[in-house]
Amino acid sequence: MRVMRVYCPECSSLAVVRKTNRKHPQIADIYCACSNMECGHTFVMNMTFSHTLSPSALTHGRLMKNMIDAIAPDKRQEMIDLLSQAQDDDQKVSKPQGPVSATAQSRR
């Protein structure tokens, strides 16, 4: 697992995080101190959430539920019926066929 490293903006030495002050779940102030004894710089950095690269698998179900809940009840039942029918059709197609008959084998 990679750990984010903070570097001193004055001397570029590795800095130590002394405190984190969360202002919001996606915004934090990071209080840092330079590890270079000769520099001794202390500073505050801001860390914020920017954007998602790949959606979380944990929220996928919640998103689907919210979308389904937003559909009118009569349309929701119609959608469920269509999905059930499509699932039944897929199961019929994916079932393995029985053994090939002798007459079908001789035609090959």
PDB file of N, CA and C in Angstrom:
ATOM      1  N   MET A   1       0.842  -1.175   0.000  1.00  0.00           N
ATOM      2  CA  MET A   1       0.000   0.000   0.000  1.00  0.00           C
ATOM      3  C   MET A   1       0.888   1.240   0.000  1.00  0.00           C
ATOM      4  N   ARG A   2       0.552   2.173  -0.849  1.00  0.00           N
ATOM      5  CA  ARG A   2       1.314   3.413  -0.906  1.00  0.00           C
ATOM      6  C   ARG A   2       0.788   4.399   0.120  1.00  0.00           C
ATOM      7  N   VAL A   3       1.693   5.147   0.697  1.00  0.00           N
ATOM      8  CA  VAL A   3       1.342   6.174   1.667  1.00  0.00           C
ATOM      9  C   VAL A   3       1.752   7.513   1.075  1.00  0.00           C
ATOM     10  N   MET A   4       0.859   8.492   1.188  1.00  0.00           N
ATOM     11  CA  MET A   4       1.174   9.814   0.659  1.00  0.00           C
ATOM     12  C   MET A   4       2.299  10.442   1.485  1.00  0.00           C
ATOM     13  N   ARG A   5       3.279  10.978   0.805  1.00  0.00           N
ATOM     14  CA  ARG A   5       4.387  11.663   1.478  1.00  0.00           C
ATOM     15  C   ARG A   5       4.215  13.160   1.299  1.00  0.00           C
ATOM     16  N   VAL A   6       4.565  13.880   2.348  1.00  0.00           N
ATOM     17  CA  VAL A   6       4.494  15.338   2.315  1.00  0.00           C
ATOM     18  C   VAL A   6       5.919  15.867   2.384  1.00  0.00           C
ATOM     19  N   TYR A   7       6.222  16.810   1.495  1.00  0.00           N
ATOM     20  CA  TYR A   7       7.558  17.401   1.450  1.00  0.00           C
ATOM     21  C   TYR A   7       7.484  18.876   1.821  1.00  0.00           C
ATOM     22  N   CYS A   8       8.507  19.345   2.477  1.00  0.00           N
ATOM     23  CA  CYS A   8       8.605  20.741   2.886  1.00  0.00           C
ATOM     24  C   CYS A   8       8.684  21.632   1.641  1.00  0.00           C
ATOM     25  N   PRO A   9       7.859  22.676   1.561  1.00  0.00           N
ATOM     26  CA  PRO A   9       7.918  23.562   0.392  1.00  0.00           C
ATOM     27  C   PRO A   9       9.152  24.469   0.393  1.00  0.00           C
ATOM     28  N   GLU A  10       9.879  24.540   1.518  1.00  0.00           N
ATOM     29  CA  GLU A  10      11.067  25.391   1.610  1.00  0.00           C
ATOM     30  C   GLU A  10      12.346  24.658   1.226  1.00  0.00           C
ATOM     31  N   CYS A  11      12.548  23.444   1.775  1.00  0.00           N
ATOM     32  CA  CYS A  11      13.821  22.746   1.543  1.00  0.00           C
ATOM     33  C   CYS A  11      13.643  21.386   0.852  1.00  0.00           C
ATOM     34  N   SER A  12      12.424  20.996   0.583  1.00  0.00           N
ATOM     35  CA  SER A  12      12.083  19.730  -0.096  1.00  0.00           C
ATOM     36  C   SER A  12      12.405  18.475   0.715  1.00  0.00           C
ATOM     37  N   SER A  13      12.670  18.622   2.007  1.00  0.00           N
ATOM     38  CA  SER A  13      12.876  17.452   2.872  1.00  0.00           C
ATOM     39  C   SER A  13      11.517  16.843   3.202  1.00  0.00           C
ATOM     40  N   LEU A  14      11.559  15.595   3.636  1.00  0.00           N
ATOM     41  CA  LEU A  14      10.339  14.918   4.046  1.00  0.00           C
ATOM     42  C   LEU A  14       9.759  15.627   5.270  1.00  0.00           C
ATOM     43  N   ALA A  15       8.446  15.831   5.269  1.00  0.00           N
ATOM     44  CA  ALA A  15       7.784  16.479   6.401  1.00  0.00           C
ATOM     45  C   ALA A  15       6.947  15.451   7.154  1.00  0.00           C
ATOM     46  N   VAL A  16       6.660  15.755   8.399  1.00  0.00           N
ATOM     47  CA  VAL A  16       5.867  14.868   9.254  1.00  0.00           C
ATOM     48  C   VAL A  16       4.504  15.517   9.479  1.00  0.00           C
ATOM     49  N   VAL A  17       3.442  14.727   9.323  1.00  0.00           N
ATOM     50  CA  VAL A  17       2.091  15.230   9.594  1.00  0.00           C
ATOM     51  C   VAL A  17       1.884  15.203  11.102  1.00  0.00           C
ATOM     52  N   ARG A  18       1.599  16.358  11.691  1.00  0.00           N
ATOM     53  CA  ARG A  18       1.418  16.471  13.140  1.00  0.00           C
ATOM     54  C   ARG A  18      -0.053  16.398  13.541  1.00  0.00           C
ATOM     55  N   LYS A  19      -0.925  16.898  12.662  1.00  0.00           N
ATOM     56  CA  LYS A  19      -2.339  16.958  13.005  1.00  0.00           C
ATOM     57  C   LYS A  19      -3.162  17.061  11.728  1.00  0.00           C
ATOM     58  N   THR A  20      -4.362  16.504  11.758  1.00  0.00           N
ATOM     59  CA  THR A  20      -5.301  16.630  10.645  1.00  0.00           C
ATOM     60  C   THR A  20      -6.596  17.208  11.187  1.00  0.00           C
ATOM     61  N   ASN A  21      -7.032  18.287  10.584  1.00  0.00           N
ATOM     62  CA  ASN A  21      -8.277  18.935  10.986  1.00  0.00           C
ATOM     63  C   ASN A  21      -9.278  18.778   9.844  1.00  0.00           C
ATOM     64  N   ARG A  22     -10.234  17.859  10.015  1.00  0.00           N
ATOM     65  CA  ARG A  22     -11.240  17.632   8.976  1.00  0.00           C
ATOM     66  C   ARG A  22     -12.316  18.712   9.058  1.00  0.00           C
ATOM     67  N   LYS A  23     -12.465  19.444   7.964  1.00  0.00           N
ATOM     68  CA  LYS A  23     -13.494  20.475   7.883  1.00  0.00           C
ATOM     69  C   LYS A  23     -14.781  19.901   7.306  1.00  0.00           C
ATOM     70  N   HIS A  24     -14.631  18.852   6.519  1.00  0.00           N
ATOM     71  CA  HIS A  24     -15.730  18.207   5.795  1.00  0.00           C
ATOM     72  C   HIS A  24     -15.214  16.821   5.436  1.00  0.00           C
ATOM     73  N   PRO A  25     -16.075  15.826   5.164  1.00  0.00           N
ATOM     74  CA  PRO A  25     -15.560  14.495   4.803  1.00  0.00           C
ATOM     75  C   PRO A  25     -14.591  14.502   3.614  1.00  0.00           C
ATOM     76  N   GLN A  26     -14.658  15.558   2.778  1.00  0.00           N
ATOM     77  CA  GLN A  26     -13.793  15.614   1.606  1.00  0.00           C
ATOM     78  C   GLN A  26     -12.783  16.760   1.649  1.00  0.00           C
ATOM     79  N   ILE A  27     -12.686  17.452   2.770  1.00  0.00           N
ATOM     80  CA  ILE A  27     -11.750  18.576   2.908  1.00  0.00           C
ATOM     81  C   ILE A  27     -11.051  18.486   4.263  1.00  0.00           C
ATOM     82  N   ALA A  28      -9.724  18.637   4.264  1.00  0.00           N
ATOM     83  CA  ALA A  28      -8.975  18.594   5.525  1.00  0.00           C
ATOM     84  C   ALA A  28      -7.781  19.536   5.462  1.00  0.00           C
ATOM     85  N   ASP A  29      -7.435  20.110   6.619  1.00  0.00           N
ATOM     86  CA  ASP A  29      -6.186  20.856   6.781  1.00  0.00           C
ATOM     87  C   ASP A  29      -5.189  19.892   7.406  1.00  0.00           C
ATOM     88  N   ILE A  30      -3.999  19.794   6.808  1.00  0.00           N
ATOM     89  CA  ILE A  30      -2.947  18.907   7.289  1.00  0.00           C
ATOM     90  C   ILE A  30      -1.837  19.782   7.878  1.00  0.00           C
ATOM     91  N   TYR A  31      -1.608  19.664   9.180  1.00  0.00           N
ATOM     92  CA  TYR A  31      -0.558  20.431   9.856  1.00  0.00           C
ATOM     93  C   TYR A  31       0.733  19.621   9.796  1.00  0.00           C
ATOM     94  N   CYS A  32       1.775  20.210   9.224  1.00  0.00           N
ATOM     95  CA  CYS A  32       3.025  19.488   8.963  1.00  0.00           C
ATOM     96  C   CYS A  32       4.230  20.213   9.564  1.00  0.00           C
ATOM     97  N   ALA A  33       5.299  19.430   9.778  1.00  0.00           N
ATOM     98  CA  ALA A  33       6.571  19.978  10.265  1.00  0.00           C
ATOM     99  C   ALA A  33       7.698  19.341   9.460  1.00  0.00           C
ATOM    100  N   CYS A  34       8.619  20.158   9.003  1.00  0.00           N
ATOM    101  CA  CYS A  34       9.766  19.666   8.241  1.00  0.00           C
ATOM    102  C   CYS A  34      10.652  18.810   9.149  1.00  0.00           C
ATOM    103  N   SER A  35      11.135  17.698   8.598  1.00  0.00           N
ATOM    104  CA  SER A  35      12.003  16.807   9.384  1.00  0.00           C
ATOM    105  C   SER A  35      13.461  17.272   9.378  1.00  0.00           C
ATOM    106  N   ASN A  36      13.800  18.245   8.548  1.00  0.00           N
ATOM    107  CA  ASN A  36      15.150  18.803   8.502  1.00  0.00           C
ATOM    108  C   ASN A  36      15.305  19.777   9.678  1.00  0.00           C
ATOM    109  N   MET A  37      16.128  19.393  10.645  1.00  0.00           N
ATOM    110  CA  MET A  37      16.303  20.199  11.863  1.00  0.00           C
ATOM    111  C   MET A  37      16.803  21.614  11.551  1.00  0.00           C
ATOM    112  N   GLU A  38      17.601  21.768  10.507  1.00  0.00           N
ATOM    113  CA  GLU A  38      18.128  23.088  10.156  1.00  0.00           C
ATOM    114  C   GLU A  38      17.040  23.981   9.573  1.00  0.00           C
ATOM    115  N   CYS A  39      16.043  23.381   8.938  1.00  0.00           N
ATOM    116  CA  CYS A  39      14.943  24.151   8.336  1.00  0.00           C
ATOM    117  C   CYS A  39      13.894  24.486   9.400  1.00  0.00           C
ATOM    118  N   GLY A  40      13.297  23.460  10.000  1.00  0.00           N
ATOM    119  CA  GLY A  40      12.320  23.660  11.067  1.00  0.00           C
ATOM    120  C   GLY A  40      10.997  24.289  10.638  1.00  0.00           C
ATOM    121  N   HIS A  41      10.746  24.322   9.352  1.00  0.00           N
ATOM    122  CA  HIS A  41       9.526  24.944   8.842  1.00  0.00           C
ATOM    123  C   HIS A  41       8.282  24.159   9.272  1.00  0.00           C
ATOM    124  N   THR A  42       7.274  24.861   9.754  1.00  0.00           N
ATOM    125  CA  THR A  42       5.972  24.244  10.022  1.00  0.00           C
ATOM    126  C   THR A  42       4.964  24.910   9.094  1.00  0.00           C
ATOM    127  N   PHE A  43       4.028  24.130   8.599  1.00  0.00           N
ATOM    128  CA  PHE A  43       3.100  24.657   7.594  1.00  0.00           C
ATOM    129  C   PHE A  43       1.804  23.851   7.591  1.00  0.00           C
ATOM    130  N   VAL A  44       0.816  24.396   6.924  1.00  0.00           N
ATOM    131  CA  VAL A  44      -0.482  23.735   6.779  1.00  0.00           C
ATOM    132  C   VAL A  44      -0.733  23.511   5.296  1.00  0.00           C
ATOM    133  N   MET A  45      -1.117  22.289   4.962  1.00  0.00           N
ATOM    134  CA  MET A  45      -1.494  21.959   3.586  1.00  0.00           C
ATOM    135  C   MET A  45      -2.982  21.629   3.579  1.00  0.00           C
ATOM    136  N   ASN A  46      -3.617  21.835   2.440  1.00  0.00           N
ATOM    137  CA  ASN A  46      -5.028  21.491   2.293  1.00  0.00           C
ATOM    138  C   ASN A  46      -5.139  20.231   1.448  1.00  0.00           C
ATOM    139  N   MET A  47      -5.992  19.316   1.880  1.00  0.00           N
ATOM    140  CA  MET A  47      -6.240  18.111   1.096  1.00  0.00           C
ATOM    141  C   MET A  47      -7.734  18.077   0.779  1.00  0.00           C
ATOM    142  N   THR A  48      -8.048  17.946  -0.507  1.00  0.00           N
ATOM    143  CA  THR A  48      -9.449  17.898  -0.933  1.00  0.00           C
ATOM    144  C   THR A  48      -9.677  16.754  -1.901  1.00  0.00           C
ATOM    145  N   PHE A  49     -10.910  16.277  -1.926  1.00  0.00           N
ATOM    146  CA  PHE A  49     -11.320  15.275  -2.905  1.00  0.00           C
ATOM    147  C   PHE A  49     -11.527  15.995  -4.224  1.00  0.00           C
ATOM    148  N   SER A  50     -11.034  15.401  -5.308  1.00  0.00           N
ATOM    149  CA  SER A  50     -11.166  16.023  -6.616  1.00  0.00           C
ATOM    150  C   SER A  50     -12.268  15.364  -7.439  1.00  0.00           C
ATOM    151  N   HIS A  51     -12.091  14.106  -7.801  1.00  0.00           N
ATOM    152  CA  HIS A  51     -13.084  13.419  -8.627  1.00  0.00           C
ATOM    153  C   HIS A  51     -12.883  11.913  -8.557  1.00  0.00           C
ATOM    154  N   THR A  52     -13.866  11.173  -9.006  1.00  0.00           N
ATOM    155  CA  THR A  52     -13.836   9.717  -8.976  1.00  0.00           C
ATOM    156  C   THR A  52     -13.266   9.175 -10.276  1.00  0.00           C
ATOM    157  N   LEU A  53     -12.376   8.203 -10.172  1.00  0.00           N
ATOM    158  CA  LEU A  53     -11.841   7.529 -11.355  1.00  0.00           C
ATOM    159  C   LEU A  53     -12.618   6.257 -11.655  1.00  0.00           C
ATOM    160  N   SER A  54     -12.998   5.543 -10.619  1.00  0.00           N
ATOM    161  CA  SER A  54     -13.768   4.307 -10.754  1.00  0.00           C
ATOM    162  C   SER A  54     -14.793   4.284  -9.625  1.00  0.00           C
ATOM    163  N   PRO A  55     -16.077   4.166  -9.946  1.00  0.00           N
ATOM    164  CA  PRO A  55     -17.089   4.211  -8.889  1.00  0.00           C
ATOM    165  C   PRO A  55     -16.932   3.082  -7.882  1.00  0.00           C
ATOM    166  N   SER A  56     -17.301   3.348  -6.662  1.00  0.00           N
ATOM    167  CA  SER A  56     -17.212   2.361  -5.593  1.00  0.00           C
ATOM    168  C   SER A  56     -18.236   1.257  -5.795  1.00  0.00           C
ATOM    169  N   ALA A  57     -17.820   0.036  -5.573  1.00  0.00           N
ATOM    170  CA  ALA A  57     -18.749  -1.092  -5.642  1.00  0.00           C
ATOM    171  C   ALA A  57     -19.713  -1.054  -4.464  1.00  0.00           C
ATOM    172  N   LEU A  58     -19.354  -0.379  -3.399  1.00  0.00           N
ATOM    173  CA  LEU A  58     -20.220  -0.297  -2.224  1.00  0.00           C
ATOM    174  C   LEU A  58     -21.443   0.572  -2.470  1.00  0.00           C
ATOM    175  N   THR A  59     -21.331   1.585  -3.325  1.00  0.00           N
ATOM    176  CA  THR A  59     -22.450   2.494  -3.571  1.00  0.00           C
ATOM    177  C   THR A  59     -23.261   2.109  -4.796  1.00  0.00           C
ATOM    178  N   HIS A  60     -22.811   1.124  -5.553  1.00  0.00           N
ATOM    179  CA  HIS A  60     -23.499   0.724  -6.784  1.00  0.00           C
ATOM    180  C   HIS A  60     -24.939   0.302  -6.499  1.00  0.00           C
ATOM    181  N   GLY A  61     -25.149  -0.536  -5.493  1.00  0.00           N
ATOM    182  CA  GLY A  61     -26.487  -1.014  -5.154  1.00  0.00           C
ATOM    183  C   GLY A  61     -27.397   0.116  -4.704  1.00  0.00           C
ATOM    184  N   ARG A  62     -26.849   1.047  -3.933  1.00  0.00           N
ATOM    185  CA  ARG A  62     -27.637   2.187  -3.459  1.00  0.00           C
ATOM    186  C   ARG A  62     -28.078   3.054  -4.639  1.00  0.00           C
ATOM    187  N   LEU A  63     -27.183   3.254  -5.600  1.00  0.00           N
ATOM    188  CA  LEU A  63     -27.508   4.039  -6.782  1.00  0.00           C
ATOM    189  C   LEU A  63     -28.639   3.389  -7.564  1.00  0.00           C
ATOM    190  N   MET A  64     -28.542   2.070  -7.757  1.00  0.00           N
ATOM    191  CA  MET A  64     -29.590   1.350  -8.482  1.00  0.00           C
ATOM    192  C   MET A  64     -30.923   1.440  -7.738  1.00  0.00           C
ATOM    193  N   LYS A  65     -30.897   1.292  -6.416  1.00  0.00           N
ATOM    194  CA  LYS A  65     -32.132   1.353  -5.629  1.00  0.00           C
ATOM    195  C   LYS A  65     -32.767   2.732  -5.748  1.00  0.00           C
ATOM    196  N   ASN A  66     -31.968   3.788  -5.672  1.00  0.00           N
ATOM    197  CA  ASN A  66     -32.498   5.148  -5.799  1.00  0.00           C
ATOM    198  C   ASN A  66     -33.121   5.370  -7.169  1.00  0.00           C
ATOM    199  N   MET A  67     -32.491   4.826  -8.208  1.00  0.00           N
ATOM    200  CA  MET A  67     -33.038   4.966  -9.558  1.00  0.00           C
ATOM    201  C   MET A  67     -34.364   4.219  -9.684  1.00  0.00           C
ATOM    202  N   ILE A  68     -34.425   3.017  -9.142  1.00  0.00           N
ATOM    203  CA  ILE A  68     -35.655   2.221  -9.215  1.00  0.00           C
ATOM    204  C   ILE A  68     -36.759   2.869  -8.385  1.00  0.00           C
ATOM    205  N   ASP A  69     -36.409   3.393  -7.210  1.00  0.00           N
ATOM    206  CA  ASP A  69     -37.404   4.050  -6.358  1.00  0.00           C
ATOM    207  C   ASP A  69     -37.985   5.303  -7.012  1.00  0.00           C
ATOM    208  N   ALA A  70     -37.229   5.928  -7.912  1.00  0.00           N
ATOM    209  CA  ALA A  70     -37.691   7.141  -8.580  1.00  0.00           C
ATOM    210  C   ALA A  70     -38.712   6.849  -9.678  1.00  0.00           C
ATOM    211  N   ILE A  71     -38.841   5.587 -10.072  1.00  0.00           N
ATOM    212  CA  ILE A  71     -39.789   5.206 -11.122  1.00  0.00           C
ATOM    213  C   ILE A  71     -41.173   5.042 -10.503  1.00  0.00           C
ATOM    214  N   ALA A  72     -42.209   5.483 -11.222  1.00  0.00           N
ATOM    215  CA  ALA A  72     -43.592   5.338 -10.749  1.00  0.00           C
ATOM    216  C   ALA A  72     -43.895   3.858 -10.519  1.00  0.00           C
ATOM    217  N   PRO A  73     -44.694   3.530  -9.488  1.00  0.00           N
ATOM    218  CA  PRO A  73     -44.950   2.121  -9.148  1.00  0.00           C
ATOM    219  C   PRO A  73     -45.467   1.264 -10.305  1.00  0.00           C
ATOM    220  N   ASP A  74     -46.375   1.792 -11.131  1.00  0.00           N
ATOM    221  CA  ASP A  74     -46.893   0.990 -12.251  1.00  0.00           C
ATOM    222  C   ASP A  74     -45.807   0.733 -13.289  1.00  0.00           C
ATOM    223  N   LYS A  75     -44.989   1.728 -13.562  1.00  0.00           N
ATOM    224  CA  LYS A  75     -43.880   1.557 -14.512  1.00  0.00           C
ATOM    225  C   LYS A  75     -42.817   0.636 -13.927  1.00  0.00           C
ATOM    226  N   ARG A  76     -42.624   0.698 -12.604  1.00  0.00           N
ATOM    227  CA  ARG A  76     -41.651  -0.160 -11.935  1.00  0.00           C
ATOM    228  C   ARG A  76     -42.043  -1.630 -12.094  1.00  0.00           C
ATOM    229  N   GLN A  77     -43.333  -1.935 -11.904  1.00  0.00           N
ATOM    230  CA  GLN A  77     -43.793  -3.317 -12.053  1.00  0.00           C
ATOM    231  C   GLN A  77     -43.633  -3.778 -13.499  1.00  0.00           C
ATOM    232  N   GLU A  78     -43.912  -2.887 -14.448  1.00  0.00           N
ATOM    233  CA  GLU A  78     -43.732  -3.218 -15.866  1.00  0.00           C
ATOM    234  C   GLU A  78     -42.261  -3.539 -16.151  1.00  0.00           C
ATOM    235  N   MET A  79     -41.353  -2.749 -15.568  1.00  0.00           N
ATOM    236  CA  MET A  79     -39.922  -2.978 -15.757  1.00  0.00           C
ATOM    237  C   MET A  79     -39.501  -4.318 -15.141  1.00  0.00           C
ATOM    238  N   ILE A  80     -40.017  -4.628 -13.950  1.00  0.00           N
ATOM    239  CA  ILE A  80     -39.689  -5.899 -13.296  1.00  0.00           C
ATOM    240  C   ILE A  80     -40.163  -7.069 -14.149  1.00  0.00           C
ATOM    241  N   ASP A  81     -41.373  -6.952 -14.707  1.00  0.00           N
ATOM    242  CA  ASP A  81     -41.905  -8.017 -15.564  1.00  0.00           C
ATOM    243  C   ASP A  81     -41.035  -8.216 -16.805  1.00  0.00           C
ATOM    244  N   LEU A  82     -40.609  -7.112 -17.429  1.00  0.00           N
ATOM    245  CA  LEU A  82     -39.754  -7.212 -18.617  1.00  0.00           C
ATOM    246  C   LEU A  82     -38.406  -7.842 -18.280  1.00  0.00           C
ATOM    247  N   LEU A  83     -37.829  -7.454 -17.141  1.00  0.00           N
ATOM    248  CA  LEU A  83     -36.542  -8.026 -16.733  1.00  0.00           C
ATOM    249  C   LEU A  83     -36.673  -9.511 -16.416  1.00  0.00           C
ATOM    250  N   SER A  84     -37.773  -9.893 -15.773  1.00  0.00           N
ATOM    251  CA  SER A  84     -37.996 -11.314 -15.466  1.00  0.00           C
ATOM    252  C   SER A  84     -38.139 -12.122 -16.744  1.00  0.00           C
ATOM    253  N   GLN A  85     -38.865 -11.564 -17.706  1.00  0.00           N
ATOM    254  CA  GLN A  85     -39.050 -12.248 -18.990  1.00  0.00           C
ATOM    255  C   GLN A  85     -37.706 -12.394 -19.712  1.00  0.00           C
ATOM    256  N   ALA A  86     -36.900 -11.349 -19.708  1.00  0.00           N
ATOM    257  CA  ALA A  86     -35.585 -11.410 -20.357  1.00  0.00           C
ATOM    258  C   ALA A  86     -34.691 -12.432 -19.667  1.00  0.00           C
ATOM    259  N   GLN A  87     -34.759 -12.507 -18.338  1.00  0.00           N
ATOM    260  CA  GLN A  87     -33.955 -13.484 -17.597  1.00  0.00           C
ATOM    261  C   GLN A  87     -34.402 -14.905 -17.940  1.00  0.00           C
ATOM    262  N   ASP A  88     -35.714 -15.122 -18.034  1.00  0.00           N
ATOM    263  CA  ASP A  88     -36.230 -16.447 -18.409  1.00  0.00           C
ATOM    264  C   ASP A  88     -35.770 -16.824 -19.813  1.00  0.00           C
ATOM    265  N   ASP A  89     -35.814 -15.859 -20.743  1.00  0.00           N
ATOM    266  CA  ASP A  89     -35.370 -16.118 -22.119  1.00  0.00           C
ATOM    267  C   ASP A  89     -33.891 -16.474 -22.154  1.00  0.00           C
ATOM    268  N   ASP A  90     -33.076 -15.768 -21.357  1.00  0.00           N
ATOM    269  CA  ASP A  90     -31.639 -16.058 -21.305  1.00  0.00           C
ATOM    270  C   ASP A  90     -31.373 -17.457 -20.767  1.00  0.00           C
ATOM    271  N   GLN A  91     -32.140 -17.863 -19.764  1.00  0.00           N
ATOM    272  CA  GLN A  91     -31.949 -19.195 -19.186  1.00  0.00           C
ATOM    273  C   GLN A  91     -32.320 -20.284 -20.185  1.00  0.00           C
ATOM    274  N   LYS A  92     -33.346 -20.045 -20.996  1.00  0.00           N
ATOM    275  CA  LYS A  92     -33.749 -21.031 -22.005  1.00  0.00           C
ATOM    276  C   LYS A  92     -32.661 -21.187 -23.062  1.00  0.00           C
ATOM    277  N   VAL A  93     -32.060 -20.076 -23.469  1.00  0.00           N
ATOM    278  CA  VAL A  93     -31.020 -20.100 -24.501  1.00  0.00           C
ATOM    279  C   VAL A  93     -29.744 -20.737 -23.971  1.00  0.00           C
ATOM    280  N   SER A  94     -29.402 -20.490 -22.712  1.00  0.00           N
ATOM    281  CA  SER A  94     -28.135 -20.980 -22.172  1.00  0.00           C
ATOM    282  C   SER A  94     -28.188 -22.430 -21.709  1.00  0.00           C
ATOM    283  N   LYS A  95     -29.376 -23.040 -21.652  1.00  0.00           N
ATOM    284  CA  LYS A  95     -29.453 -24.450 -21.245  1.00  0.00           C
ATOM    285  C   LYS A  95     -28.781 -25.303 -22.305  1.00  0.00           C
ATOM    286  N   PRO A  96     -27.954 -26.263 -21.888  1.00  0.00           N
ATOM    287  CA  PRO A  96     -27.289 -27.121 -22.872  1.00  0.00           C
ATOM    288  C   PRO A  96     -28.316 -28.000 -23.577  1.00  0.00           C
ATOM    289  N   GLN A  97     -28.098 -28.166 -24.865  1.00  0.00           N
ATOM    290  CA  GLN A  97     -28.978 -29.016 -25.660  1.00  0.00           C
ATOM    291  C   GLN A  97     -28.716 -30.472 -25.311  1.00  0.00           C
ATOM    292  N   GLY A  98     -29.713 -31.308 -25.478  1.00  0.00           N
ATOM    293  CA  GLY A  98     -29.561 -32.733 -25.208  1.00  0.00           C
ATOM    294  C   GLY A  98     -28.583 -33.361 -26.180  1.00  0.00           C
ATOM    295  N   PRO A  99     -28.311 -34.659 -26.035  1.00  0.00           N
ATOM    296  CA  PRO A  99     -27.374 -35.322 -26.938  1.00  0.00           C
ATOM    297  C   PRO A  99     -27.890 -35.280 -28.377  1.00  0.00           C
ATOM    298  N   VAL A 100     -26.958 -35.186 -29.300  1.00  0.00           N
ATOM    299  CA  VAL A 100     -27.308 -35.115 -30.715  1.00  0.00           C
ATOM    300  C   VAL A 100     -27.801 -36.494 -31.152  1.00  0.00           C
ATOM    301  N   SER A 101     -28.927 -36.511 -31.869  1.00  0.00           N
ATOM    302  CA  SER A 101     -29.491 -37.800 -32.301  1.00  0.00           C
ATOM    303  C   SER A 101     -28.630 -38.431 -33.385  1.00  0.00           C
ATOM    304  N   ALA A 102     -28.814 -39.713 -33.583  1.00  0.00           N
ATOM    305  CA  ALA A 102     -28.024 -40.458 -34.575  1.00  0.00           C
ATOM    306  C   ALA A 102     -28.288 -39.941 -35.973  1.00  0.00           C
ATOM    307  N   THR A 103     -29.520 -39.513 -36.260  1.00  0.00           N
ATOM    308  CA  THR A 103     -29.819 -39.012 -37.605  1.00  0.00           C
ATOM    309  C   THR A 103     -29.136 -37.684 -37.846  1.00  0.00           C
ATOM    310  N   ALA A 104     -29.042 -36.852 -36.816  1.00  0.00           N
ATOM    311  CA  ALA A 104     -28.362 -35.567 -36.969  1.00  0.00           C
ATOM    312  C   ALA A 104     -26.869 -35.776 -37.151  1.00  0.00           C
ATOM    313  N   GLN A 105     -26.296 -36.792 -36.498  1.00  0.00           N
ATOM    314  CA  GLN A 105     -24.873 -37.055 -36.638  1.00  0.00           C
ATOM    315  C   GLN A 105     -24.555 -37.565 -38.034  1.00  0.00           C
ATOM    316  N   SER A 106     -25.438 -38.347 -38.601  1.00  0.00           N
ATOM    317  CA  SER A 106     -25.142 -38.917 -39.914  1.00  0.00           C
ATOM    318  C   SER A 106     -25.210 -37.877 -41.011  1.00  0.00           C
ATOM    319  N   ARG A 107     -25.913 -36.782 -40.798  1.00  0.00           N
ATOM    320  CA  ARG A 107     -26.012 -35.725 -41.804  1.00  0.00           C
ATOM    321  C   ARG A 107     -24.730 -34.914 -41.890  1.00  0.00           C
ATOM    322  N   ARG A 108     -23.904 -34.972 -40.910  1.00  0.00           N
ATOM    323  CA  ARG A 108     -22.677 -34.154 -40.887  1.00  0.00           C
ATOM    324  C   ARG A 108     -21.675 -34.707 -41.768  1.00  0.00           C
TER     325      ARG A 108
END
